[in-house]
Amino acid sequence: MLEPAAPTVRAVRGAILAGGAARRHGGQPKGLLEVGGRRILDRVAAALTTATGEPALLVANDPEAARWRADLQTIPDVRPGAGSLGGIYTAVSAAREPVLCVAWDMPFLSADLLRALVTGAAEFDVFLPESVGRRGVEPLCAVYDPRCIPAIERQLASGDLRAISFHADARVGTLSLDDVRALGDPEVLFFNVNSPDDLVRAEEIWSREGHR
């Protein structure tokens, strides 16, 4: 009896989206804040490297960004002011292979979740996890194939900068919420630090759950 074929897994490059750095914590870029004694940027970079097997790109416009992690290739947005969609476009345009794009303010992303996205992405232009958030999916934790570049460019030209604005023109697949939950609590995995209160909450989560 023939065994079922294993899913095709392509080489995928990781990309950390820092954008304009979003200084909301007394002037410090939020990805440089520490949760559990470790910078959020370092946590995200470690998870991405484990999932993809190589150092990630860092998409950032801060003039100091190249000093944050000397081991990462740092590139600025090719279309400044285009928000998260511009960051996705920059990352996908900079790599020959599909890109796993992750926001740099999610301290509890796991390598297991990111590996599941890489594994599931082969047949799609965009592959992203379902979530309990307002969109129902997490576009800032997703794999993007270079095939989606023309669709993104059309949305950038139209001024529609929503991160999911081009999905109608792309082959989109999702990692089901049940599959996400098998890897962890979605509210924790996708928790992002946008304010001082969020940072306090992140420390509480880290202390309670013993995260990395």
N, C-alpha and C. Protein backbone atom coordinates (compact mmCIF):
# COMPACT_ATOMS: atom_id res chain seq x y z
N MET A 1 0.85 -1.19 0.00
CA MET A 1 0.00 0.00 0.00
C MET A 1 0.88 1.24 0.00
N LEU A 2 0.58 2.15 -0.90
CA LEU A 2 1.38 3.36 -0.99
C LEU A 2 1.09 4.29 0.17
N GLU A 3 2.16 4.85 0.71
CA GLU A 3 1.98 5.85 1.75
C GLU A 3 1.56 7.17 1.13
N PRO A 4 0.71 7.98 1.81
CA PRO A 4 0.33 9.28 1.27
C PRO A 4 1.56 10.17 1.14
N ALA A 5 1.57 10.95 0.07
CA ALA A 5 2.71 11.84 -0.17
C ALA A 5 2.82 12.87 0.93
N ALA A 6 4.04 13.16 1.33
CA ALA A 6 4.26 14.20 2.33
C ALA A 6 3.98 15.56 1.71
N PRO A 7 3.48 16.51 2.49
CA PRO A 7 3.23 17.84 1.94
C PRO A 7 4.51 18.49 1.47
N THR A 8 4.42 19.20 0.35
CA THR A 8 5.58 19.91 -0.18
C THR A 8 5.86 21.13 0.69
N VAL A 9 7.09 21.25 1.18
CA VAL A 9 7.46 22.39 2.00
C VAL A 9 8.56 23.17 1.28
N ARG A 10 8.26 24.38 0.89
CA ARG A 10 9.23 25.21 0.18
C ARG A 10 10.12 25.96 1.15
N ALA A 11 11.26 26.40 0.64
CA ALA A 11 12.09 27.30 1.43
C ALA A 11 11.34 28.61 1.65
N VAL A 12 11.34 29.09 2.87
CA VAL A 12 10.62 30.31 3.23
C VAL A 12 11.57 31.21 4.02
N ARG A 13 11.57 32.48 3.70
CA ARG A 13 12.40 33.47 4.41
C ARG A 13 11.55 34.15 5.48
N GLY A 14 12.10 34.37 6.64
CA GLY A 14 11.39 35.11 7.68
C GLY A 14 11.61 36.61 7.53
N ALA A 15 10.61 37.39 7.92
CA ALA A 15 10.74 38.84 7.90
C ALA A 15 10.02 39.43 9.11
N ILE A 16 10.73 40.29 9.82
CA ILE A 16 10.18 40.96 11.00
C ILE A 16 9.79 42.37 10.59
N LEU A 17 8.52 42.71 10.77
CA LEU A 17 8.01 44.01 10.34
C LEU A 17 8.03 44.98 11.52
N ALA A 18 8.97 45.93 11.49
CA ALA A 18 9.07 46.93 12.54
C ALA A 18 8.56 48.28 12.08
N GLY A 19 8.48 48.49 10.77
CA GLY A 19 7.94 49.74 10.25
C GLY A 19 8.63 50.96 10.79
N GLY A 20 7.83 51.91 11.28
CA GLY A 20 8.38 53.16 11.82
C GLY A 20 8.77 53.04 13.27
N ALA A 21 8.70 51.83 13.81
CA ALA A 21 9.12 51.49 15.18
C ALA A 21 8.08 51.82 16.23
N ALA A 22 7.07 52.65 15.94
CA ALA A 22 5.94 52.90 16.85
C ALA A 22 6.40 53.20 18.27
N ARG A 23 6.98 54.36 18.46
CA ARG A 23 7.48 54.74 19.78
C ARG A 23 6.32 55.20 20.66
N ARG A 24 5.90 54.35 21.57
CA ARG A 24 4.81 54.70 22.48
C ARG A 24 5.19 54.49 23.93
N HIS A 25 6.42 54.14 24.16
CA HIS A 25 6.85 53.80 25.51
C HIS A 25 8.01 54.69 25.93
N GLY A 26 7.74 55.96 26.09
CA GLY A 26 8.79 56.87 26.52
C GLY A 26 9.90 57.03 25.52
N GLY A 27 9.59 56.87 24.24
CA GLY A 27 10.57 57.06 23.19
C GLY A 27 11.26 55.80 22.74
N GLN A 28 11.03 54.68 23.40
CA GLN A 28 11.69 53.43 23.02
C GLN A 28 10.84 52.64 22.04
N PRO A 29 11.42 52.19 20.93
CA PRO A 29 10.67 51.35 19.99
C PRO A 29 10.14 50.11 20.71
N LYS A 30 8.88 49.75 20.43
CA LYS A 30 8.23 48.73 21.24
C LYS A 30 8.86 47.35 21.11
N GLY A 31 9.44 47.02 19.97
CA GLY A 31 10.07 45.71 19.83
C GLY A 31 11.34 45.57 20.66
N LEU A 32 11.87 46.68 21.15
CA LEU A 32 13.08 46.64 21.98
C LEU A 32 12.74 46.54 23.46
N LEU A 33 11.45 46.58 23.77
CA LEU A 33 11.03 46.38 25.16
C LEU A 33 11.23 44.93 25.56
N GLU A 34 11.39 44.70 26.84
CA GLU A 34 11.65 43.34 27.34
C GLU A 34 10.40 42.74 27.96
N VAL A 35 10.20 41.47 27.70
CA VAL A 35 9.18 40.67 28.36
C VAL A 35 9.90 39.46 28.93
N GLY A 36 9.77 39.26 30.22
CA GLY A 36 10.50 38.16 30.86
C GLY A 36 12.00 38.31 30.74
N GLY A 37 12.50 39.55 30.73
CA GLY A 37 13.93 39.80 30.68
C GLY A 37 14.56 39.63 29.31
N ARG A 38 13.74 39.55 28.26
CA ARG A 38 14.27 39.37 26.90
C ARG A 38 13.52 40.28 25.95
N ARG A 39 14.24 40.94 25.04
CA ARG A 39 13.59 41.85 24.11
C ARG A 39 12.59 41.11 23.23
N ILE A 40 11.47 41.78 22.96
CA ILE A 40 10.46 41.16 22.08
C ILE A 40 11.08 40.86 20.73
N LEU A 41 11.87 41.76 20.18
CA LEU A 41 12.54 41.52 18.90
C LEU A 41 13.32 40.23 18.92
N ASP A 42 14.06 39.98 20.00
CA ASP A 42 14.87 38.76 20.08
C ASP A 42 14.00 37.51 20.16
N ARG A 43 12.89 37.61 20.83
CA ARG A 43 11.96 36.48 20.91
C ARG A 43 11.41 36.15 19.52
N VAL A 44 10.97 37.18 18.81
CA VAL A 44 10.41 36.97 17.48
C VAL A 44 11.47 36.42 16.53
N ALA A 45 12.66 37.00 16.58
CA ALA A 45 13.74 36.55 15.69
C ALA A 45 14.10 35.09 15.94
N ALA A 46 14.13 34.68 17.20
CA ALA A 46 14.47 33.29 17.53
C ALA A 46 13.41 32.33 17.00
N ALA A 47 12.14 32.68 17.15
CA ALA A 47 11.06 31.81 16.66
C ALA A 47 11.12 31.68 15.15
N LEU A 48 11.37 32.80 14.47
CA LEU A 48 11.45 32.78 13.00
C LEU A 48 12.65 31.95 12.52
N THR A 49 13.79 32.12 13.15
CA THR A 49 14.98 31.38 12.73
C THR A 49 14.77 29.88 12.93
N THR A 50 14.14 29.50 14.03
CA THR A 50 13.86 28.09 14.27
C THR A 50 12.93 27.53 13.21
N ALA A 51 11.93 28.34 12.82
CA ALA A 51 10.93 27.87 11.86
C ALA A 51 11.45 27.82 10.43
N THR A 52 12.34 28.73 10.06
CA THR A 52 12.77 28.83 8.66
C THR A 52 14.19 28.35 8.43
N GLY A 53 15.00 28.29 9.47
CA GLY A 53 16.36 27.79 9.34
C GLY A 53 17.39 28.83 8.95
N GLU A 54 17.00 30.10 8.91
CA GLU A 54 17.97 31.16 8.59
C GLU A 54 17.55 32.46 9.24
N PRO A 55 18.51 33.41 9.41
CA PRO A 55 18.17 34.70 10.01
C PRO A 55 17.13 35.44 9.17
N ALA A 56 16.30 36.20 9.84
CA ALA A 56 15.21 36.91 9.18
C ALA A 56 15.66 38.26 8.62
N LEU A 57 14.86 38.77 7.72
CA LEU A 57 14.96 40.17 7.33
C LEU A 57 14.34 41.01 8.43
N LEU A 58 14.79 42.24 8.55
CA LEU A 58 14.17 43.19 9.46
C LEU A 58 13.75 44.40 8.65
N VAL A 59 12.45 44.60 8.51
CA VAL A 59 11.92 45.74 7.76
C VAL A 59 11.66 46.86 8.76
N ALA A 60 12.47 47.90 8.70
CA ALA A 60 12.39 48.97 9.68
C ALA A 60 12.90 50.27 9.09
N ASN A 61 12.26 51.36 9.48
CA ASN A 61 12.63 52.68 8.97
C ASN A 61 13.42 53.50 9.98
N ASP A 62 13.52 53.04 11.19
CA ASP A 62 14.27 53.77 12.21
C ASP A 62 15.74 53.85 11.80
N PRO A 63 16.35 55.02 11.87
CA PRO A 63 17.76 55.14 11.47
C PRO A 63 18.71 54.30 12.31
N GLU A 64 18.28 53.88 13.49
CA GLU A 64 19.12 53.05 14.36
C GLU A 64 18.87 51.56 14.16
N ALA A 65 17.96 51.19 13.27
CA ALA A 65 17.50 49.81 13.17
C ALA A 65 18.62 48.81 12.89
N ALA A 66 19.60 49.19 12.08
CA ALA A 66 20.68 48.25 11.74
C ALA A 66 21.51 47.86 12.97
N ARG A 67 21.42 48.64 14.03
CA ARG A 67 22.18 48.34 15.25
C ARG A 67 21.41 47.43 16.21
N TRP A 68 20.14 47.23 15.96
CA TRP A 68 19.34 46.43 16.88
C TRP A 68 19.77 44.98 16.89
N ARG A 69 20.04 44.44 15.69
CA ARG A 69 20.49 43.06 15.55
C ARG A 69 21.45 43.00 14.37
N ALA A 70 22.74 42.91 14.68
CA ALA A 70 23.74 42.93 13.61
C ALA A 70 23.65 41.72 12.69
N ASP A 71 23.01 40.64 13.17
CA ASP A 71 22.94 39.43 12.36
C ASP A 71 21.78 39.44 11.37
N LEU A 72 20.91 40.44 11.44
CA LEU A 72 19.77 40.52 10.55
C LEU A 72 20.02 41.51 9.43
N GLN A 73 19.55 41.19 8.25
CA GLN A 73 19.61 42.14 7.14
C GLN A 73 18.47 43.14 7.31
N THR A 74 18.82 44.40 7.48
CA THR A 74 17.83 45.43 7.73
C THR A 74 17.56 46.22 6.46
N ILE A 75 16.28 46.36 6.13
CA ILE A 75 15.88 47.11 4.94
C ILE A 75 14.74 48.06 5.29
N PRO A 76 14.74 49.27 4.69
CA PRO A 76 13.63 50.20 4.94
C PRO A 76 12.46 49.92 4.00
N ASP A 77 11.30 50.44 4.35
CA ASP A 77 10.14 50.32 3.48
C ASP A 77 10.44 50.94 2.12
N VAL A 78 10.06 50.23 1.07
CA VAL A 78 10.24 50.79 -0.27
C VAL A 78 9.16 51.81 -0.58
N ARG A 79 8.06 51.75 0.16
CA ARG A 79 6.99 52.75 0.03
C ARG A 79 6.64 53.26 1.42
N PRO A 80 7.43 54.19 1.95
CA PRO A 80 7.18 54.70 3.31
C PRO A 80 5.77 55.27 3.42
N GLY A 81 5.19 55.12 4.58
CA GLY A 81 3.86 55.66 4.83
C GLY A 81 2.73 54.76 4.38
N ALA A 82 3.05 53.54 3.93
CA ALA A 82 2.02 52.63 3.43
C ALA A 82 1.61 51.60 4.48
N GLY A 83 1.99 51.82 5.73
CA GLY A 83 1.53 50.99 6.82
C GLY A 83 2.00 49.54 6.72
N SER A 84 1.20 48.67 7.34
CA SER A 84 1.56 47.25 7.37
C SER A 84 1.61 46.64 5.97
N LEU A 85 0.70 47.07 5.10
CA LEU A 85 0.71 46.54 3.74
C LEU A 85 2.01 46.90 3.04
N GLY A 86 2.50 48.11 3.28
CA GLY A 86 3.78 48.50 2.71
C GLY A 86 4.93 47.67 3.25
N GLY A 87 4.86 47.31 4.53
CA GLY A 87 5.89 46.45 5.11
C GLY A 87 5.88 45.06 4.50
N ILE A 88 4.68 44.51 4.32
CA ILE A 88 4.56 43.21 3.67
C ILE A 88 5.12 43.27 2.25
N TYR A 89 4.76 44.31 1.53
CA TYR A 89 5.24 44.48 0.15
C TYR A 89 6.77 44.56 0.11
N THR A 90 7.35 45.32 1.04
CA THR A 90 8.81 45.45 1.09
C THR A 90 9.46 44.09 1.32
N ALA A 91 8.94 43.33 2.27
CA ALA A 91 9.53 42.03 2.59
C ALA A 91 9.43 41.07 1.42
N VAL A 92 8.25 40.99 0.80
CA VAL A 92 8.05 40.05 -0.29
C VAL A 92 8.88 40.45 -1.51
N SER A 93 9.03 41.74 -1.74
CA SER A 93 9.81 42.22 -2.88
C SER A 93 11.30 41.98 -2.71
N ALA A 94 11.74 41.85 -1.45
CA ALA A 94 13.17 41.72 -1.17
C ALA A 94 13.67 40.29 -1.24
N ALA A 95 12.75 39.32 -1.27
CA ALA A 95 13.16 37.91 -1.24
C ALA A 95 12.70 37.19 -2.49
N ARG A 96 13.46 36.19 -2.92
CA ARG A 96 13.08 35.39 -4.07
C ARG A 96 12.06 34.32 -3.70
N GLU A 97 12.09 33.90 -2.44
CA GLU A 97 11.21 32.85 -1.99
C GLU A 97 10.02 33.44 -1.24
N PRO A 98 9.03 32.60 -0.88
CA PRO A 98 7.95 33.09 -0.03
C PRO A 98 8.51 33.64 1.28
N VAL A 99 7.76 34.54 1.89
CA VAL A 99 8.22 35.21 3.10
C VAL A 99 7.20 35.04 4.22
N LEU A 100 7.68 34.62 5.36
CA LEU A 100 6.86 34.55 6.56
C LEU A 100 7.02 35.87 7.30
N CYS A 101 6.01 36.72 7.18
CA CYS A 101 6.05 38.06 7.77
C CYS A 101 5.41 38.05 9.15
N VAL A 102 6.11 38.65 10.10
CA VAL A 102 5.63 38.67 11.48
C VAL A 102 5.85 40.07 12.05
N ALA A 103 4.82 40.60 12.72
CA ALA A 103 4.98 41.87 13.42
C ALA A 103 5.95 41.70 14.59
N TRP A 104 6.68 42.75 14.88
CA TRP A 104 7.76 42.61 15.86
C TRP A 104 7.30 42.85 17.30
N ASP A 105 5.98 42.97 17.49
CA ASP A 105 5.48 43.25 18.84
C ASP A 105 4.69 42.10 19.42
N MET A 106 4.91 40.86 18.92
CA MET A 106 4.21 39.68 19.40
C MET A 106 5.18 38.78 20.17
N PRO A 107 5.28 38.94 21.48
CA PRO A 107 6.32 38.23 22.24
C PRO A 107 6.09 36.74 22.41
N PHE A 108 4.87 36.24 22.14
CA PHE A 108 4.57 34.85 22.46
C PHE A 108 4.36 33.97 21.23
N LEU A 109 4.75 34.45 20.06
CA LEU A 109 4.70 33.60 18.88
C LEU A 109 5.61 32.40 19.09
N SER A 110 5.14 31.24 18.68
CA SER A 110 5.95 30.03 18.87
C SER A 110 6.50 29.53 17.55
N ALA A 111 7.65 28.87 17.62
CA ALA A 111 8.22 28.26 16.43
C ALA A 111 7.30 27.19 15.86
N ASP A 112 6.57 26.48 16.72
CA ASP A 112 5.65 25.45 16.25
C ASP A 112 4.54 26.06 15.39
N LEU A 113 3.99 27.17 15.82
CA LEU A 113 2.97 27.85 15.02
C LEU A 113 3.55 28.30 13.69
N LEU A 114 4.72 28.90 13.71
CA LEU A 114 5.33 29.40 12.48
C LEU A 114 5.68 28.26 11.53
N ARG A 115 6.12 27.14 12.08
CA ARG A 115 6.40 25.97 11.23
C ARG A 115 5.12 25.46 10.58
N ALA A 116 4.02 25.50 11.31
CA ALA A 116 2.74 25.06 10.74
C ALA A 116 2.33 25.95 9.58
N LEU A 117 2.61 27.23 9.66
CA LEU A 117 2.32 28.14 8.56
C LEU A 117 3.20 27.84 7.35
N VAL A 118 4.47 27.59 7.58
CA VAL A 118 5.38 27.26 6.49
C VAL A 118 4.92 25.98 5.79
N THR A 119 4.54 24.98 6.58
CA THR A 119 4.12 23.70 6.02
C THR A 119 2.85 23.83 5.20
N GLY A 120 1.92 24.66 5.65
CA GLY A 120 0.64 24.76 4.97
C GLY A 120 0.60 25.70 3.79
N ALA A 121 1.68 26.44 3.57
CA ALA A 121 1.64 27.54 2.61
C ALA A 121 1.87 27.15 1.16
N ALA A 122 2.28 25.92 0.89
CA ALA A 122 2.80 25.57 -0.43
C ALA A 122 1.87 25.88 -1.59
N GLU A 123 0.59 25.70 -1.43
CA GLU A 123 -0.34 25.84 -2.55
C GLU A 123 -0.99 27.21 -2.64
N PHE A 124 -0.55 28.16 -1.84
CA PHE A 124 -1.26 29.43 -1.74
C PHE A 124 -0.35 30.64 -1.98
N ASP A 125 -0.97 31.75 -2.37
CA ASP A 125 -0.26 33.02 -2.46
C ASP A 125 -0.12 33.66 -1.08
N VAL A 126 -1.11 33.43 -0.25
CA VAL A 126 -1.12 33.93 1.13
C VAL A 126 -1.62 32.80 2.01
N PHE A 127 -0.92 32.54 3.11
CA PHE A 127 -1.37 31.54 4.06
C PHE A 127 -1.25 32.13 5.45
N LEU A 128 -2.38 32.22 6.15
CA LEU A 128 -2.39 32.91 7.43
C LEU A 128 -3.28 32.17 8.43
N PRO A 129 -3.04 32.39 9.72
CA PRO A 129 -3.81 31.67 10.73
C PRO A 129 -5.12 32.37 11.04
N GLU A 130 -6.14 31.58 11.31
CA GLU A 130 -7.37 32.13 11.85
C GLU A 130 -7.12 32.54 13.30
N SER A 131 -7.91 33.51 13.78
CA SER A 131 -7.73 34.01 15.13
C SER A 131 -9.07 34.42 15.71
N VAL A 132 -9.04 34.83 16.97
CA VAL A 132 -10.24 35.33 17.63
C VAL A 132 -10.28 36.85 17.58
N GLY A 133 -9.40 37.47 16.83
CA GLY A 133 -9.36 38.92 16.71
C GLY A 133 -10.45 39.47 15.80
N ARG A 134 -10.47 40.78 15.63
CA ARG A 134 -11.56 41.44 14.90
C ARG A 134 -11.59 41.05 13.43
N ARG A 135 -10.46 40.73 12.82
CA ARG A 135 -10.44 40.33 11.41
C ARG A 135 -10.78 38.86 11.22
N GLY A 136 -10.58 38.07 12.26
CA GLY A 136 -10.76 36.63 12.15
C GLY A 136 -9.54 35.91 11.62
N VAL A 137 -8.54 36.67 11.17
CA VAL A 137 -7.26 36.12 10.70
C VAL A 137 -6.15 37.07 11.15
N GLU A 138 -4.91 36.60 11.06
CA GLU A 138 -3.75 37.40 11.48
C GLU A 138 -2.83 37.66 10.30
N PRO A 139 -3.04 38.75 9.55
CA PRO A 139 -2.19 39.03 8.39
C PRO A 139 -0.76 39.40 8.73
N LEU A 140 -0.50 39.76 9.99
CA LEU A 140 0.87 40.08 10.39
C LEU A 140 1.56 38.89 11.05
N CYS A 141 1.09 37.71 10.69
CA CYS A 141 1.75 36.45 11.05
C CYS A 141 1.36 35.49 9.94
N ALA A 142 1.97 35.66 8.76
CA ALA A 142 1.47 34.96 7.57
C ALA A 142 2.58 34.79 6.56
N VAL A 143 2.39 33.80 5.68
CA VAL A 143 3.33 33.53 4.60
C VAL A 143 2.79 34.15 3.31
N TYR A 144 3.66 34.91 2.62
CA TYR A 144 3.30 35.58 1.38
C TYR A 144 4.24 35.13 0.27
N ASP A 145 3.64 34.68 -0.83
CA ASP A 145 4.41 34.26 -2.00
C ASP A 145 4.64 35.47 -2.91
N PRO A 146 5.78 35.52 -3.62
CA PRO A 146 6.00 36.63 -4.57
C PRO A 146 4.89 36.78 -5.60
N ARG A 147 4.11 35.73 -5.83
CA ARG A 147 3.00 35.83 -6.79
C ARG A 147 1.98 36.88 -6.40
N CYS A 148 1.92 37.24 -5.13
CA CYS A 148 0.91 38.21 -4.70
C CYS A 148 1.37 39.66 -4.88
N ILE A 149 2.60 39.89 -5.35
CA ILE A 149 3.11 41.25 -5.50
C ILE A 149 2.22 42.12 -6.38
N PRO A 150 1.80 41.68 -7.58
CA PRO A 150 0.95 42.55 -8.41
C PRO A 150 -0.35 42.95 -7.71
N ALA A 151 -0.96 42.03 -6.98
CA ALA A 151 -2.20 42.35 -6.28
C ALA A 151 -1.96 43.39 -5.18
N ILE A 152 -0.84 43.27 -4.48
CA ILE A 152 -0.51 44.26 -3.46
C ILE A 152 -0.25 45.61 -4.10
N GLU A 153 0.47 45.62 -5.21
CA GLU A 153 0.78 46.88 -5.89
C GLU A 153 -0.49 47.61 -6.31
N ARG A 154 -1.49 46.86 -6.76
CA ARG A 154 -2.74 47.50 -7.15
C ARG A 154 -3.42 48.17 -5.96
N GLN A 155 -3.38 47.54 -4.82
CA GLN A 155 -4.01 48.12 -3.64
C GLN A 155 -3.23 49.32 -3.12
N LEU A 156 -1.91 49.24 -3.18
CA LEU A 156 -1.10 50.40 -2.79
C LEU A 156 -1.40 51.59 -3.68
N ALA A 157 -1.53 51.33 -4.98
CA ALA A 157 -1.83 52.41 -5.92
C ALA A 157 -3.21 53.02 -5.67
N SER A 158 -4.14 52.19 -5.21
CA SER A 158 -5.50 52.68 -4.96
C SER A 158 -5.63 53.41 -3.63
N GLY A 159 -4.62 53.25 -2.76
CA GLY A 159 -4.66 53.88 -1.44
C GLY A 159 -5.32 53.04 -0.37
N ASP A 160 -5.72 51.82 -0.72
CA ASP A 160 -6.32 50.93 0.27
C ASP A 160 -5.19 50.16 0.95
N LEU A 161 -4.82 50.59 2.14
CA LEU A 161 -3.64 50.07 2.82
C LEU A 161 -3.97 48.99 3.86
N ARG A 162 -5.18 48.49 3.86
CA ARG A 162 -5.50 47.40 4.77
C ARG A 162 -4.65 46.18 4.44
N ALA A 163 -4.16 45.51 5.48
CA ALA A 163 -3.25 44.39 5.25
C ALA A 163 -3.91 43.25 4.49
N ILE A 164 -5.24 43.16 4.53
CA ILE A 164 -5.94 42.09 3.81
C ILE A 164 -6.63 42.60 2.55
N SER A 165 -6.33 43.81 2.14
CA SER A 165 -7.08 44.44 1.05
C SER A 165 -6.95 43.73 -0.29
N PHE A 166 -5.84 43.02 -0.50
CA PHE A 166 -5.59 42.38 -1.80
C PHE A 166 -6.02 40.92 -1.83
N HIS A 167 -6.57 40.40 -0.75
CA HIS A 167 -6.87 38.98 -0.66
C HIS A 167 -7.85 38.50 -1.72
N ALA A 168 -8.75 39.37 -2.15
CA ALA A 168 -9.72 38.95 -3.17
C ALA A 168 -9.05 38.61 -4.49
N ASP A 169 -7.84 39.11 -4.70
CA ASP A 169 -7.11 38.87 -5.95
C ASP A 169 -5.98 37.85 -5.77
N ALA A 170 -6.01 37.10 -4.69
CA ALA A 170 -4.95 36.13 -4.41
C ALA A 170 -5.56 34.81 -3.95
N ARG A 171 -4.75 33.75 -4.08
CA ARG A 171 -5.17 32.44 -3.54
C ARG A 171 -4.81 32.43 -2.06
N VAL A 172 -5.83 32.47 -1.23
CA VAL A 172 -5.64 32.59 0.22
C VAL A 172 -6.03 31.29 0.92
N GLY A 173 -5.14 30.80 1.75
CA GLY A 173 -5.42 29.63 2.58
C GLY A 173 -5.27 30.00 4.04
N THR A 174 -5.92 29.24 4.91
CA THR A 174 -5.85 29.55 6.34
C THR A 174 -5.51 28.31 7.15
N LEU A 175 -4.79 28.53 8.22
CA LEU A 175 -4.59 27.53 9.26
C LEU A 175 -5.79 27.67 10.19
N SER A 176 -6.58 26.62 10.32
CA SER A 176 -7.85 26.72 11.05
C SER A 176 -7.63 27.10 12.50
N LEU A 177 -8.67 27.68 13.08
CA LEU A 177 -8.59 28.07 14.48
C LEU A 177 -8.38 26.85 15.37
N ASP A 178 -8.97 25.74 15.00
CA ASP A 178 -8.74 24.50 15.77
C ASP A 178 -7.27 24.10 15.73
N ASP A 179 -6.65 24.23 14.55
CA ASP A 179 -5.24 23.89 14.44
C ASP A 179 -4.37 24.87 15.22
N VAL A 180 -4.76 26.14 15.22
CA VAL A 180 -4.02 27.12 16.02
C VAL A 180 -4.13 26.77 17.49
N ARG A 181 -5.35 26.44 17.93
CA ARG A 181 -5.56 26.13 19.35
C ARG A 181 -4.79 24.88 19.77
N ALA A 182 -4.55 23.98 18.84
CA ALA A 182 -3.75 22.80 19.17
C ALA A 182 -2.31 23.17 19.49
N LEU A 183 -1.90 24.37 19.08
CA LEU A 183 -0.53 24.83 19.30
C LEU A 183 -0.42 25.85 20.43
N GLY A 184 -1.57 26.31 20.94
CA GLY A 184 -1.55 27.28 22.01
C GLY A 184 -2.81 28.13 22.02
N ASP A 185 -2.94 28.95 23.02
CA ASP A 185 -4.07 29.86 23.15
C ASP A 185 -3.91 30.99 22.12
N PRO A 186 -4.85 31.15 21.18
CA PRO A 186 -4.70 32.21 20.18
C PRO A 186 -4.55 33.60 20.78
N GLU A 187 -5.22 33.84 21.89
CA GLU A 187 -5.13 35.16 22.50
C GLU A 187 -3.73 35.44 23.05
N VAL A 188 -3.01 34.39 23.40
CA VAL A 188 -1.62 34.54 23.85
C VAL A 188 -0.68 34.56 22.66
N LEU A 189 -0.82 33.62 21.75
CA LEU A 189 0.08 33.53 20.60
C LEU A 189 0.13 34.84 19.83
N PHE A 190 -1.04 35.48 19.65
CA PHE A 190 -1.11 36.68 18.83
C PHE A 190 -1.17 37.97 19.64
N PHE A 191 -0.89 37.85 20.93
CA PHE A 191 -0.90 39.05 21.78
C PHE A 191 0.18 40.02 21.31
N ASN A 192 -0.19 41.29 21.14
CA ASN A 192 0.82 42.26 20.71
C ASN A 192 0.89 43.42 21.71
N VAL A 193 2.08 43.94 21.85
CA VAL A 193 2.37 44.99 22.82
C VAL A 193 2.32 46.34 22.12
N ASN A 194 1.21 47.05 22.31
CA ASN A 194 1.03 48.35 21.67
C ASN A 194 1.04 49.51 22.64
N SER A 195 1.01 49.23 23.93
CA SER A 195 0.89 50.30 24.93
C SER A 195 1.56 49.86 26.22
N PRO A 196 1.80 50.80 27.13
CA PRO A 196 2.36 50.40 28.43
C PRO A 196 1.49 49.38 29.16
N ASP A 197 0.18 49.50 29.04
CA ASP A 197 -0.71 48.53 29.69
C ASP A 197 -0.51 47.13 29.09
N ASP A 198 -0.31 47.09 27.78
CA ASP A 198 -0.07 45.80 27.13
C ASP A 198 1.22 45.17 27.63
N LEU A 199 2.21 45.99 27.89
CA LEU A 199 3.49 45.46 28.38
C LEU A 199 3.31 44.84 29.77
N VAL A 200 2.53 45.51 30.61
CA VAL A 200 2.23 44.95 31.93
C VAL A 200 1.51 43.62 31.78
N ARG A 201 0.54 43.57 30.88
CA ARG A 201 -0.20 42.34 30.64
C ARG A 201 0.71 41.23 30.11
N ALA A 202 1.64 41.58 29.23
CA ALA A 202 2.58 40.60 28.70
C ALA A 202 3.43 39.99 29.80
N GLU A 203 3.88 40.81 30.73
CA GLU A 203 4.67 40.29 31.85
C GLU A 203 3.83 39.34 32.71
N GLU A 204 2.55 39.68 32.88
CA GLU A 204 1.66 38.80 33.65
C GLU A 204 1.50 37.45 32.95
N ILE A 205 1.33 37.49 31.63
CA ILE A 205 1.19 36.25 30.86
C ILE A 205 2.46 35.43 30.97
N TRP A 206 3.59 36.08 30.79
CA TRP A 206 4.87 35.37 30.85
C TRP A 206 5.07 34.72 32.23
N SER A 207 4.75 35.45 33.28
CA SER A 207 4.93 34.92 34.63
C SER A 207 3.97 33.75 34.88
N ARG A 208 2.75 33.86 34.37
CA ARG A 208 1.75 32.83 34.64
C ARG A 208 2.00 31.56 33.85
N GLU A 209 2.41 31.71 32.60
CA GLU A 209 2.48 30.56 31.71
C GLU A 209 3.90 30.04 31.49
N GLY A 210 4.89 30.75 32.04
CA GLY A 210 6.26 30.25 31.93
C GLY A 210 6.76 30.22 30.50
N HIS A 211 6.41 31.26 29.71
CA HIS A 211 6.86 31.29 28.32
C HIS A 211 8.36 31.51 28.26
N ARG A 212 8.88 31.32 27.03
CA ARG A 212 10.31 31.39 26.78
C ARG A 212 10.96 32.59 27.43
